[in-house]
Amino acid sequence: MTLKQAQTAVDEWIKTYGVRYFNELTNMVLLTEEVGELARIIARTYGEQSFKESDKNRDLGDEMADILWVLICLANQTGVDLTEAFAKNMEKKTLRDRERHVNNEKLK
């Protein structure tokens, strides 16, 4: 599925099952909440914290998909074409960081 297809699929789902989009502020808060849930799994899987019983059945991919869902909602609400925005962002990073990381002694 492309980003464009994902944006269309989310929009169709919202119109079919979701009644309407939550407002942008609510979705921003939800995005922050979802990032926190991902952080909790990362901290327990790769960091030094141990899993709580309520965290044991969490799925890393599902948490990432939750973040993508809310981000797509925000993009749809604000008229952002994620395909175009991502392409521009990749170009920006390539121009800015083309040699930055390969010349970073800390990464060798």
PDB file of N, CA and C in Angstrom:
ATOM      1  N   MET A   1       0.848  -1.171   0.000  1.00  0.00           N
ATOM      2  CA  MET A   1       0.000   0.000   0.000  1.00  0.00           C
ATOM      3  C   MET A   1       0.900   1.243   0.000  1.00  0.00           C
ATOM      4  N   THR A   2       0.621   2.170  -0.865  1.00  0.00           N
ATOM      5  CA  THR A   2       1.370   3.426  -0.913  1.00  0.00           C
ATOM      6  C   THR A   2       0.843   4.385   0.163  1.00  0.00           C
ATOM      7  N   LEU A   3       1.583   5.445   0.393  1.00  0.00           N
ATOM      8  CA  LEU A   3       1.099   6.458   1.332  1.00  0.00           C
ATOM      9  C   LEU A   3      -0.209   7.058   0.837  1.00  0.00           C
ATOM     10  N   LYS A   4      -0.295   7.320  -0.452  1.00  0.00           N
ATOM     11  CA  LYS A   4      -1.522   7.878  -1.037  1.00  0.00           C
ATOM     12  C   LYS A   4      -2.701   6.930  -0.799  1.00  0.00           C
ATOM     13  N   GLN A   5      -2.487   5.648  -1.041  1.00  0.00           N
ATOM     14  CA  GLN A   5      -3.538   4.662  -0.810  1.00  0.00           C
ATOM     15  C   GLN A   5      -3.914   4.591   0.670  1.00  0.00           C
ATOM     16  N   ALA A   6      -2.916   4.708   1.538  1.00  0.00           N
ATOM     17  CA  ALA A   6      -3.197   4.688   2.976  1.00  0.00           C
ATOM     18  C   ALA A   6      -4.030   5.904   3.368  1.00  0.00           C
ATOM     19  N   GLN A   7      -3.706   7.074   2.823  1.00  0.00           N
ATOM     20  CA  GLN A   7      -4.486   8.270   3.132  1.00  0.00           C
ATOM     21  C   GLN A   7      -5.926   8.110   2.659  1.00  0.00           C
ATOM     22  N   THR A   8      -6.111   7.527   1.487  1.00  0.00           N
ATOM     23  CA  THR A   8      -7.460   7.301   0.962  1.00  0.00           C
ATOM     24  C   THR A   8      -8.199   6.271   1.819  1.00  0.00           C
ATOM     25  N   ALA A   9      -7.513   5.200   2.203  1.00  0.00           N
ATOM     26  CA  ALA A   9      -8.145   4.145   3.003  1.00  0.00           C
ATOM     27  C   ALA A   9      -8.595   4.684   4.364  1.00  0.00           C
ATOM     28  N   VAL A  10      -7.752   5.482   5.007  1.00  0.00           N
ATOM     29  CA  VAL A  10      -8.117   6.057   6.303  1.00  0.00           C
ATOM     30  C   VAL A  10      -9.316   6.988   6.133  1.00  0.00           C
ATOM     31  N   ASP A  11      -9.286   7.821   5.108  1.00  0.00           N
ATOM     32  CA  ASP A  11     -10.398   8.737   4.875  1.00  0.00           C
ATOM     33  C   ASP A  11     -11.703   7.975   4.641  1.00  0.00           C
ATOM     34  N   GLU A  12     -11.653   6.915   3.855  1.00  0.00           N
ATOM     35  CA  GLU A  12     -12.853   6.104   3.608  1.00  0.00           C
ATOM     36  C   GLU A  12     -13.335   5.434   4.888  1.00  0.00           C
ATOM     37  N   TRP A  13     -12.398   4.950   5.714  1.00  0.00           N
ATOM     38  CA  TRP A  13     -12.783   4.320   6.973  1.00  0.00           C
ATOM     39  C   TRP A  13     -13.469   5.329   7.880  1.00  0.00           C
ATOM     40  N   ILE A  14     -12.879   6.519   7.987  1.00  0.00           N
ATOM     41  CA  ILE A  14     -13.467   7.560   8.840  1.00  0.00           C
ATOM     42  C   ILE A  14     -14.884   7.881   8.372  1.00  0.00           C
ATOM     43  N   LYS A  15     -15.054   8.030   7.073  1.00  0.00           N
ATOM     44  CA  LYS A  15     -16.379   8.373   6.534  1.00  0.00           C
ATOM     45  C   LYS A  15     -17.384   7.242   6.697  1.00  0.00           C
ATOM     46  N   THR A  16     -16.912   5.999   6.721  1.00  0.00           N
ATOM     47  CA  THR A  16     -17.798   4.844   6.833  1.00  0.00           C
ATOM     48  C   THR A  16     -18.090   4.473   8.281  1.00  0.00           C
ATOM     49  N   TYR A  17     -17.074   4.456   9.115  1.00  0.00           N
ATOM     50  CA  TYR A  17     -17.216   3.951  10.481  1.00  0.00           C
ATOM     51  C   TYR A  17     -16.972   4.993  11.573  1.00  0.00           C
ATOM     52  N   GLY A  18     -16.252   6.031  11.271  1.00  0.00           N
ATOM     53  CA  GLY A  18     -15.804   6.947  12.309  1.00  0.00           C
ATOM     54  C   GLY A  18     -16.657   8.179  12.501  1.00  0.00           C
ATOM     55  N   VAL A  19     -17.708   8.337  11.723  1.00  0.00           N
ATOM     56  CA  VAL A  19     -18.607   9.480  11.757  1.00  0.00           C
ATOM     57  C   VAL A  19     -17.900  10.732  11.226  1.00  0.00           C
ATOM     58  N   ARG A  20     -16.789  11.132  11.870  1.00  0.00           N
ATOM     59  CA  ARG A  20     -16.008  12.289  11.429  1.00  0.00           C
ATOM     60  C   ARG A  20     -14.624  12.188  12.061  1.00  0.00           C
ATOM     61  N   TYR A  21     -13.719  12.993  11.560  1.00  0.00           N
ATOM     62  CA  TYR A  21     -12.398  13.070  12.185  1.00  0.00           C
ATOM     63  C   TYR A  21     -12.531  13.771  13.540  1.00  0.00           C
ATOM     64  N   PHE A  22     -11.737  13.343  14.517  1.00  0.00           N
ATOM     65  CA  PHE A  22     -11.582  14.136  15.724  1.00  0.00           C
ATOM     66  C   PHE A  22     -10.892  15.423  15.303  1.00  0.00           C
ATOM     67  N   ASN A  23     -11.051  16.486  16.063  1.00  0.00           N
ATOM     68  CA  ASN A  23     -10.387  17.723  15.654  1.00  0.00           C
ATOM     69  C   ASN A  23      -8.863  17.555  15.732  1.00  0.00           C
ATOM     70  N   GLU A  24      -8.171  18.488  15.112  1.00  0.00           N
ATOM     71  CA  GLU A  24      -6.718  18.386  14.990  1.00  0.00           C
ATOM     72  C   GLU A  24      -6.017  18.347  16.349  1.00  0.00           C
ATOM     73  N   LEU A  25      -6.489  19.132  17.287  1.00  0.00           N
ATOM     74  CA  LEU A  25      -5.871  19.133  18.610  1.00  0.00           C
ATOM     75  C   LEU A  25      -6.048  17.779  19.292  1.00  0.00           C
ATOM     76  N   THR A  26      -7.239  17.234  19.221  1.00  0.00           N
ATOM     77  CA  THR A  26      -7.484  15.904  19.795  1.00  0.00           C
ATOM     78  C   THR A  26      -6.580  14.872  19.138  1.00  0.00           C
ATOM     79  N   ASN A  27      -6.474  14.915  17.810  1.00  0.00           N
ATOM     80  CA  ASN A  27      -5.607  13.949  17.121  1.00  0.00           C
ATOM     81  C   ASN A  27      -4.138  14.144  17.480  1.00  0.00           C
ATOM     82  N   MET A  28      -3.709  15.377  17.717  1.00  0.00           N
ATOM     83  CA  MET A  28      -2.329  15.609  18.139  1.00  0.00           C
ATOM     84  C   MET A  28      -2.077  14.977  19.492  1.00  0.00           C
ATOM     85  N   VAL A  29      -3.029  15.100  20.396  1.00  0.00           N
ATOM     86  CA  VAL A  29      -2.909  14.473  21.717  1.00  0.00           C
ATOM     87  C   VAL A  29      -2.899  12.951  21.573  1.00  0.00           C
ATOM     88  N   LEU A  30      -3.762  12.425  20.710  1.00  0.00           N
ATOM     89  CA  LEU A  30      -3.787  10.973  20.479  1.00  0.00           C
ATOM     90  C   LEU A  30      -2.469  10.485  19.893  1.00  0.00           C
ATOM     91  N   LEU A  31      -1.883  11.274  18.996  1.00  0.00           N
ATOM     92  CA  LEU A  31      -0.590  10.907  18.416  1.00  0.00           C
ATOM     93  C   LEU A  31       0.467  10.826  19.513  1.00  0.00           C
ATOM     94  N   THR A  32       0.471  11.792  20.391  1.00  0.00           N
ATOM     95  CA  THR A  32       1.422  11.800  21.503  1.00  0.00           C
ATOM     96  C   THR A  32       1.218  10.582  22.398  1.00  0.00           C
ATOM     97  N   GLU A  33      -0.032  10.254  22.652  1.00  0.00           N
ATOM     98  CA  GLU A  33      -0.353   9.075  23.463  1.00  0.00           C
ATOM     99  C   GLU A  33       0.170   7.796  22.803  1.00  0.00           C
ATOM    100  N   GLU A  34      -0.049   7.683  21.502  1.00  0.00           N
ATOM    101  CA  GLU A  34       0.401   6.485  20.782  1.00  0.00           C
ATOM    102  C   GLU A  34       1.931   6.381  20.771  1.00  0.00           C
ATOM    103  N   VAL A  35       2.621   7.513  20.622  1.00  0.00           N
ATOM    104  CA  VAL A  35       4.086   7.508  20.668  1.00  0.00           C
ATOM    105  C   VAL A  35       4.550   7.048  22.056  1.00  0.00           C
ATOM    106  N   GLY A  36       3.844   7.471  23.089  1.00  0.00           N
ATOM    107  CA  GLY A  36       4.170   7.031  24.439  1.00  0.00           C
ATOM    108  C   GLY A  36       4.013   5.523  24.606  1.00  0.00           C
ATOM    109  N   GLU A  37       2.981   4.964  23.996  1.00  0.00           N
ATOM    110  CA  GLU A  37       2.781   3.514  24.075  1.00  0.00           C
ATOM    111  C   GLU A  37       3.915   2.771  23.362  1.00  0.00           C
ATOM    112  N   LEU A  38       4.354   3.291  22.234  1.00  0.00           N
ATOM    113  CA  LEU A  38       5.489   2.691  21.530  1.00  0.00           C
ATOM    114  C   LEU A  38       6.750   2.815  22.377  1.00  0.00           C
ATOM    115  N   ALA A  39       6.951   3.976  22.980  1.00  0.00           N
ATOM    116  CA  ALA A  39       8.125   4.193  23.823  1.00  0.00           C
ATOM    117  C   ALA A  39       8.163   3.197  24.982  1.00  0.00           C
ATOM    118  N   ARG A  40       7.005   2.922  25.554  1.00  0.00           N
ATOM    119  CA  ARG A  40       6.940   1.972  26.668  1.00  0.00           C
ATOM    120  C   ARG A  40       7.417   0.587  26.222  1.00  0.00           C
ATOM    121  N   ILE A  41       6.986   0.141  25.052  1.00  0.00           N
ATOM    122  CA  ILE A  41       7.409  -1.180  24.561  1.00  0.00           C
ATOM    123  C   ILE A  41       8.903  -1.185  24.253  1.00  0.00           C
ATOM    124  N   ILE A  42       9.382  -0.127  23.611  1.00  0.00           N
ATOM    125  CA  ILE A  42      10.809  -0.034  23.277  1.00  0.00           C
ATOM    126  C   ILE A  42      11.646  -0.043  24.563  1.00  0.00           C
ATOM    127  N   ALA A  43      11.213   0.721  25.570  1.00  0.00           N
ATOM    128  CA  ALA A  43      11.952   0.788  26.830  1.00  0.00           C
ATOM    129  C   ALA A  43      12.028  -0.573  27.513  1.00  0.00           C
ATOM    130  N   ARG A  44      10.966  -1.336  27.406  1.00  0.00           N
ATOM    131  CA  ARG A  44      10.933  -2.640  28.063  1.00  0.00           C
ATOM    132  C   ARG A  44      11.608  -3.727  27.219  1.00  0.00           C
ATOM    133  N   THR A  45      11.550  -3.604  25.912  1.00  0.00           N
ATOM    134  CA  THR A  45      12.158  -4.616  25.041  1.00  0.00           C
ATOM    135  C   THR A  45      13.663  -4.398  24.887  1.00  0.00           C
ATOM    136  N   TYR A  46      14.070  -3.156  24.693  1.00  0.00           N
ATOM    137  CA  TYR A  46      15.471  -2.862  24.392  1.00  0.00           C
ATOM    138  C   TYR A  46      16.182  -2.105  25.505  1.00  0.00           C
ATOM    139  N   GLY A  47      15.427  -1.577  26.443  1.00  0.00           N
ATOM    140  CA  GLY A  47      16.016  -0.829  27.545  1.00  0.00           C
ATOM    141  C   GLY A  47      16.107  -1.669  28.798  1.00  0.00           C
ATOM    142  N   GLU A  48      16.198  -0.998  29.897  1.00  0.00           N
ATOM    143  CA  GLU A  48      16.455  -1.670  31.165  1.00  0.00           C
ATOM    144  C   GLU A  48      15.212  -1.914  32.003  1.00  0.00           C
ATOM    145  N   GLN A  49      14.066  -1.420  31.547  1.00  0.00           N
ATOM    146  CA  GLN A  49      12.845  -1.641  32.311  1.00  0.00           C
ATOM    147  C   GLN A  49      12.300  -3.039  32.050  1.00  0.00           C
ATOM    148  N   SER A  50      11.634  -3.584  33.046  1.00  0.00           N
ATOM    149  CA  SER A  50      10.997  -4.887  32.879  1.00  0.00           C
ATOM    150  C   SER A  50       9.542  -4.681  32.471  1.00  0.00           C
ATOM    151  N   PHE A  51       8.985  -5.710  31.860  1.00  0.00           N
ATOM    152  CA  PHE A  51       7.592  -5.657  31.413  1.00  0.00           C
ATOM    153  C   PHE A  51       6.653  -5.766  32.594  1.00  0.00           C
ATOM    154  N   LYS A  52       5.608  -4.951  32.570  1.00  0.00           N
ATOM    155  CA  LYS A  52       4.497  -5.115  33.494  1.00  0.00           C
ATOM    156  C   LYS A  52       3.564  -6.131  32.851  1.00  0.00           C
ATOM    157  N   GLU A  53       2.731  -6.731  33.640  1.00  0.00           N
ATOM    158  CA  GLU A  53       1.800  -7.729  33.114  1.00  0.00           C
ATOM    159  C   GLU A  53       0.961  -7.147  31.973  1.00  0.00           C
ATOM    160  N   SER A  54       0.545  -5.888  32.100  1.00  0.00           N
ATOM    161  CA  SER A  54      -0.310  -5.261  31.087  1.00  0.00           C
ATOM    162  C   SER A  54       0.435  -4.948  29.787  1.00  0.00           C
ATOM    163  N   ASP A  55       1.767  -4.993  29.816  1.00  0.00           N
ATOM    164  CA  ASP A  55       2.569  -4.689  28.619  1.00  0.00           C
ATOM    165  C   ASP A  55       2.955  -5.932  27.833  1.00  0.00           C
ATOM    166  N   LYS A  56       2.787  -7.088  28.416  1.00  0.00           N
ATOM    167  CA  LYS A  56       3.363  -8.307  27.839  1.00  0.00           C
ATOM    168  C   LYS A  56       2.777  -8.706  26.491  1.00  0.00           C
ATOM    169  N   ASN A  57       1.543  -8.360  26.215  1.00  0.00           N
ATOM    170  CA  ASN A  57       0.928  -8.776  24.952  1.00  0.00           C
ATOM    171  C   ASN A  57       0.894  -7.657  23.914  1.00  0.00           C
ATOM    172  N   ARG A  58       1.631  -6.585  24.147  1.00  0.00           N
ATOM    173  CA  ARG A  58       1.662  -5.470  23.199  1.00  0.00           C
ATOM    174  C   ARG A  58       2.495  -5.864  21.986  1.00  0.00           C
ATOM    175  N   ASP A  59       2.086  -5.365  20.833  1.00  0.00           N
ATOM    176  CA  ASP A  59       2.757  -5.688  19.582  1.00  0.00           C
ATOM    177  C   ASP A  59       3.422  -4.424  19.037  1.00  0.00           C
ATOM    178  N   LEU A  60       4.719  -4.480  18.824  1.00  0.00           N
ATOM    179  CA  LEU A  60       5.487  -3.334  18.355  1.00  0.00           C
ATOM    180  C   LEU A  60       4.942  -2.798  17.031  1.00  0.00           C
ATOM    181  N   GLY A  61       4.686  -3.689  16.089  1.00  0.00           N
ATOM    182  CA  GLY A  61       4.158  -3.278  14.789  1.00  0.00           C
ATOM    183  C   GLY A  61       2.789  -2.638  14.896  1.00  0.00           C
ATOM    184  N   ASP A  62       1.952  -3.168  15.764  1.00  0.00           N
ATOM    185  CA  ASP A  62       0.617  -2.604  15.951  1.00  0.00           C
ATOM    186  C   ASP A  62       0.703  -1.201  16.534  1.00  0.00           C
ATOM    187  N   GLU A  63       1.617  -0.996  17.467  1.00  0.00           N
ATOM    188  CA  GLU A  63       1.783   0.336  18.055  1.00  0.00           C
ATOM    189  C   GLU A  63       2.298   1.324  17.000  1.00  0.00           C
ATOM    190  N   MET A  64       3.208   0.893  16.154  1.00  0.00           N
ATOM    191  CA  MET A  64       3.696   1.754  15.069  1.00  0.00           C
ATOM    192  C   MET A  64       2.568   2.077  14.086  1.00  0.00           C
ATOM    193  N   ALA A  65       1.734   1.088  13.809  1.00  0.00           N
ATOM    194  CA  ALA A  65       0.596   1.309  12.909  1.00  0.00           C
ATOM    195  C   ALA A  65      -0.407   2.290  13.518  1.00  0.00           C
ATOM    196  N   ASP A  66      -0.596   2.241  14.833  1.00  0.00           N
ATOM    197  CA  ASP A  66      -1.469   3.212  15.500  1.00  0.00           C
ATOM    198  C   ASP A  66      -0.942   4.634  15.286  1.00  0.00           C
ATOM    199  N   ILE A  67       0.365   4.806  15.404  1.00  0.00           N
ATOM    200  CA  ILE A  67       0.983   6.113  15.182  1.00  0.00           C
ATOM    201  C   ILE A  67       0.760   6.558  13.743  1.00  0.00           C
ATOM    202  N   LEU A  68       0.983   5.654  12.810  1.00  0.00           N
ATOM    203  CA  LEU A  68       0.800   5.980  11.393  1.00  0.00           C
ATOM    204  C   LEU A  68      -0.645   6.362  11.115  1.00  0.00           C
ATOM    205  N   TRP A  69      -1.582   5.655  11.704  1.00  0.00           N
ATOM    206  CA  TRP A  69      -3.010   5.947  11.530  1.00  0.00           C
ATOM    207  C   TRP A  69      -3.333   7.387  11.925  1.00  0.00           C
ATOM    208  N   VAL A  70      -2.919   7.772  13.137  1.00  0.00           N
ATOM    209  CA  VAL A  70      -3.238   9.117  13.612  1.00  0.00           C
ATOM    210  C   VAL A  70      -2.495  10.169  12.788  1.00  0.00           C
ATOM    211  N   LEU A  71      -1.266   9.876  12.400  1.00  0.00           N
ATOM    212  CA  LEU A  71      -0.518  10.803  11.553  1.00  0.00           C
ATOM    213  C   LEU A  71      -1.221  10.997  10.217  1.00  0.00           C
ATOM    214  N   ILE A  72      -1.736   9.922   9.652  1.00  0.00           N
ATOM    215  CA  ILE A  72      -2.491  10.009   8.395  1.00  0.00           C
ATOM    216  C   ILE A  72      -3.765  10.830   8.604  1.00  0.00           C
ATOM    217  N   CYS A  73      -4.438  10.632   9.723  1.00  0.00           N
ATOM    218  CA  CYS A  73      -5.621  11.455  10.017  1.00  0.00           C
ATOM    219  C   CYS A  73      -5.253  12.929  10.013  1.00  0.00           C
ATOM    220  N   LEU A  74      -4.178  13.278  10.690  1.00  0.00           N
ATOM    221  CA  LEU A  74      -3.743  14.673  10.734  1.00  0.00           C
ATOM    222  C   LEU A  74      -3.382  15.191   9.347  1.00  0.00           C
ATOM    223  N   ALA A  75      -2.722  14.371   8.550  1.00  0.00           N
ATOM    224  CA  ALA A  75      -2.374  14.779   7.188  1.00  0.00           C
ATOM    225  C   ALA A  75      -3.637  15.027   6.372  1.00  0.00           C
ATOM    226  N   ASN A  76      -4.591  14.124   6.463  1.00  0.00           N
ATOM    227  CA  ASN A  76      -5.846  14.292   5.723  1.00  0.00           C
ATOM    228  C   ASN A  76      -6.574  15.561   6.158  1.00  0.00           C
ATOM    229  N   GLN A  77      -6.620  15.812   7.442  1.00  0.00           N
ATOM    230  CA  GLN A  77      -7.333  16.976   7.966  1.00  0.00           C
ATOM    231  C   GLN A  77      -6.703  18.299   7.553  1.00  0.00           C
ATOM    232  N   THR A  78      -5.389  18.292   7.420  1.00  0.00           N
ATOM    233  CA  THR A  78      -4.673  19.539   7.154  1.00  0.00           C
ATOM    234  C   THR A  78      -4.250  19.684   5.701  1.00  0.00           C
ATOM    235  N   GLY A  79      -4.674  18.732   4.853  1.00  0.00           N
ATOM    236  CA  GLY A  79      -4.391  18.832   3.425  1.00  0.00           C
ATOM    237  C   GLY A  79      -2.964  18.501   3.033  1.00  0.00           C
ATOM    238  N   VAL A  80      -2.273  17.718   3.847  1.00  0.00           N
ATOM    239  CA  VAL A  80      -0.896  17.333   3.533  1.00  0.00           C
ATOM    240  C   VAL A  80      -0.905  16.040   2.729  1.00  0.00           C
ATOM    241  N   ASP A  81      -0.255  16.074   1.574  1.00  0.00           N
ATOM    242  CA  ASP A  81      -0.029  14.878   0.763  1.00  0.00           C
ATOM    243  C   ASP A  81       1.254  14.246   1.291  1.00  0.00           C
ATOM    244  N   LEU A  82       1.131  13.144   2.026  1.00  0.00           N
ATOM    245  CA  LEU A  82       2.299  12.538   2.662  1.00  0.00           C
ATOM    246  C   LEU A  82       3.307  12.019   1.652  1.00  0.00           C
ATOM    247  N   THR A  83       2.857  11.581   0.491  1.00  0.00           N
ATOM    248  CA  THR A  83       3.790  11.126  -0.534  1.00  0.00           C
ATOM    249  C   THR A  83       4.694  12.277  -0.958  1.00  0.00           C
ATOM    250  N   GLU A  84       4.085  13.398  -1.243  1.00  0.00           N
ATOM    251  CA  GLU A  84       4.843  14.577  -1.655  1.00  0.00           C
ATOM    252  C   GLU A  84       5.724  15.099  -0.515  1.00  0.00           C
ATOM    253  N   ALA A  85       5.163  15.168   0.682  1.00  0.00           N
ATOM    254  CA  ALA A  85       5.913  15.673   1.832  1.00  0.00           C
ATOM    255  C   ALA A  85       7.114  14.780   2.147  1.00  0.00           C
ATOM    256  N   PHE A  86       6.912  13.461   2.058  1.00  0.00           N
ATOM    257  CA  PHE A  86       8.009  12.539   2.354  1.00  0.00           C
ATOM    258  C   PHE A  86       9.100  12.640   1.298  1.00  0.00           C
ATOM    259  N   ALA A  87       8.715  12.748   0.039  1.00  0.00           N
ATOM    260  CA  ALA A  87       9.702  12.889  -1.038  1.00  0.00           C
ATOM    261  C   ALA A  87      10.535  14.158  -0.837  1.00  0.00           C
ATOM    262  N   LYS A  88       9.884  15.256  -0.512  1.00  0.00           N
ATOM    263  CA  LYS A  88      10.597  16.512  -0.257  1.00  0.00           C
ATOM    264  C   LYS A  88      11.522  16.380   0.950  1.00  0.00           C
ATOM    265  N   ASN A  89      11.058  15.681   1.983  1.00  0.00           N
ATOM    266  CA  ASN A  89      11.849  15.506   3.182  1.00  0.00           C
ATOM    267  C   ASN A  89      13.086  14.656   2.906  1.00  0.00           C
ATOM    268  N   MET A  90      12.927  13.613   2.103  1.00  0.00           N
ATOM    269  CA  MET A  90      14.071  12.767   1.732  1.00  0.00           C
ATOM    270  C   MET A  90      15.098  13.584   0.945  1.00  0.00           C
ATOM    271  N   GLU A  91      14.623  14.416   0.034  1.00  0.00           N
ATOM    272  CA  GLU A  91      15.524  15.264  -0.746  1.00  0.00           C
ATOM    273  C   GLU A  91      16.273  16.232   0.175  1.00  0.00           C
ATOM    274  N   LYS A  92      15.557  16.841   1.109  1.00  0.00           N
ATOM    275  CA  LYS A  92      16.175  17.767   2.069  1.00  0.00           C
ATOM    276  C   LYS A  92      17.261  17.074   2.872  1.00  0.00           C
ATOM    277  N   LYS A  93      16.942  15.891   3.390  1.00  0.00           N
ATOM    278  CA  LYS A  93      17.911  15.153   4.196  1.00  0.00           C
ATOM    279  C   LYS A  93      19.122  14.745   3.365  1.00  0.00           C
ATOM    280  N   THR A  94      18.891  14.342   2.128  1.00  0.00           N
ATOM    281  CA  THR A  94      19.984  13.922   1.259  1.00  0.00           C
ATOM    282  C   THR A  94      20.914  15.098   0.967  1.00  0.00           C
ATOM    283  N   LEU A  95      20.351  16.248   0.639  1.00  0.00           N
ATOM    284  CA  LEU A  95      21.173  17.420   0.357  1.00  0.00           C
ATOM    285  C   LEU A  95      21.930  17.882   1.604  1.00  0.00           C
ATOM    286  N   ARG A  96      21.272  17.900   2.720  1.00  0.00           N
ATOM    287  CA  ARG A  96      21.858  18.400   3.960  1.00  0.00           C
ATOM    288  C   ARG A  96      22.866  17.430   4.564  1.00  0.00           C
ATOM    289  N   ASP A  97      22.547  16.141   4.517  1.00  0.00           N
ATOM    290  CA  ASP A  97      23.333  15.146   5.252  1.00  0.00           C
ATOM    291  C   ASP A  97      24.093  14.175   4.367  1.00  0.00           C
ATOM    292  N   ARG A  98      24.236  14.506   3.107  1.00  0.00           N
ATOM    293  CA  ARG A  98      24.882  13.621   2.131  1.00  0.00           C
ATOM    294  C   ARG A  98      26.217  13.092   2.650  1.00  0.00           C
ATOM    295  N   GLU A  99      27.024  13.939   3.277  1.00  0.00           N
ATOM    296  CA  GLU A  99      28.347  13.511   3.752  1.00  0.00           C
ATOM    297  C   GLU A  99      28.474  13.544   5.270  1.00  0.00           C
ATOM    298  N   ARG A 100      27.491  14.087   5.923  1.00  0.00           N
ATOM    299  CA  ARG A 100      27.560  14.281   7.365  1.00  0.00           C
ATOM    300  C   ARG A 100      27.782  12.985   8.131  1.00  0.00           C
ATOM    301  N   HIS A 101      27.022  11.961   7.819  1.00  0.00           N
ATOM    302  CA  HIS A 101      27.108  10.714   8.581  1.00  0.00           C
ATOM    303  C   HIS A 101      28.290   9.852   8.150  1.00  0.00           C
ATOM    304  N   VAL A 102      28.583   9.821   6.872  1.00  0.00           N
ATOM    305  CA  VAL A 102      29.721   9.002   6.411  1.00  0.00           C
ATOM    306  C   VAL A 102      31.037   9.588   6.903  1.00  0.00           C
ATOM    307  N   ASN A 103      31.066  10.871   7.224  1.00  0.00           N
ATOM    308  CA  ASN A 103      32.281  11.509   7.730  1.00  0.00           C
ATOM    309  C   ASN A 103      32.293  11.627   9.252  1.00  0.00           C
ATOM    310  N   ASN A 104      31.307  11.071   9.908  1.00  0.00           N
ATOM    311  CA  ASN A 104      31.213  11.134  11.365  1.00  0.00           C
ATOM    312  C   ASN A 104      32.028  10.005  11.983  1.00  0.00           C
ATOM    313  N   GLU A 105      33.103  10.372  12.628  1.00  0.00           N
ATOM    314  CA  GLU A 105      34.001   9.368  13.246  1.00  0.00           C
ATOM    315  C   GLU A 105      33.271   8.526  14.301  1.00  0.00           C
ATOM    316  N   LYS A 106      32.285   9.098  14.946  1.00  0.00           N
ATOM    317  CA  LYS A 106      31.545   8.361  15.971  1.00  0.00           C
ATOM    318  C   LYS A 106      30.772   7.183  15.394  1.00  0.00           C
ATOM    319  N   LEU A 107      30.495   7.217  14.099  1.00  0.00           N
ATOM    320  CA  LEU A 107      29.711   6.150  13.468  1.00  0.00           C
ATOM    321  C   LEU A 107      30.586   5.068  12.827  1.00  0.00           C
ATOM    322  N   LYS A 108      31.866   5.241  12.876  1.00  0.00           N
ATOM    323  CA  LYS A 108      32.776   4.256  12.234  1.00  0.00           C
ATOM    324  C   LYS A 108      33.239   3.219  13.207  1.00  0.00           C
TER     325      LYS A 108
END
